[in-house]
Structure formats: C-alpha cells, structure tokens
Amino acid sequence: MKKLAFIFIALYSTMALSKGHKLFVVKNNFLPNNVLHFEANLEDDCKINKSKPLSVYWTVSGNPEKVPPGFPEKAFLNHQFSAYSDDSVVFTNRALAIFGVLKNDEMVIKTERGPGDECEAYVEADSNDFGVIRLKSLYGNMKLLLGVPYGVNYFEAKAIDENGELISKKLNFKI
C-alpha cells in the first residue's frame, strides 16, 4: 500500500511540475471564437514530460478557461507517441493523417533553449510541399448549410519553413 501511495504522489508531483508550452492552434469559420490549442508539457529543466507529452484543449468564446475536447472531435484527436527522448517526441495525429498533409503522418515535439536561456517548444513536421516546417496554426474553412457545418472546403496551414520564412498554404482535399 505504501508503494502505491508513493507512486501516486510521485506521478502527481511530476504532473504538477509540468508546464504547458504552446505549439499550434486550430481555428475554423463556423465558431471562430472557439480555438483548439496544442501544448507541449515540459518539466522545469526543459525536458518533455514523457508520461504526458501533449495537452489538447479548447478555449471557448474568448474565455481563457481550458475546456477538454468532447464529441465528435475527441475521436479525431487520438495521438500515438513513439521515439521518446528528453528533447523530442515523435507522434501521429489521426485528423492530420486523414487529411494527408504530412509525409509519414508524423510530427515531432522538440525543445531548445532560446535567447536568455528560456525553454522553447515547437512542433516540426515534414510537409508534402515545403519540406520540414514548424507548424503555427491550422484554419478550417467549413461548408455550411443553414449555419450548420457539413464538411470542409479546405484547410490553411501557417508555418515557418526551413529558411525561417512564414508560409501560408491552402490545403485542398475531399472529405
């Protein structure tokens, strides 16, 4: 019993020490004030929390309160993690795999020390058109019928390319 209590205390303390670092956001035209946030969970020493490397949550109507994903988006937000190290984690995301935006459907959460020794986190992916990019945001233009979404016209990705330039790419596909 003491071992079990120790494990729970240790797990809780490591989760409490983890800090969220923004990776990218997802927005759409249907509910533009509702934003889906992807954050890396990092320890104080700038290492990725291996027990929970990624957090995903909504902010609704401009309210800063974090709301967990619900139905139906939760089914598309399944992540599979692999290749863990202290400063990177490889993962796949079901939604991005469906859209075919990335080569190998893989993204990598990475950390590095920035100017002033602050910890920075970002998500990097090998795109089909621009090589390796640092994803900043995705915007979904939804098909609407009487104000209700029934499909997607396109996604637009904003990212930093290999040359450090901000790029914006409209991704067309049929769902």
Foldseek 3Di string as FASTA:
>chain_A
DVVVVVVVVVVVVQQVQWDWAWAAWEAEPLQRQKIKTKTATAGPVLFGDPVDGIDIFIDHNVHPDTHHDDPPCVVQADKDWDDGDRFKIKIATNNCVVLQFAVVRIKMWGWDQDPVRDIHIYIWTQGPPQGIWTWHYKYWYFDDDPSHGDGTQWIWTWTQGPVRDTDIDTRGDGD
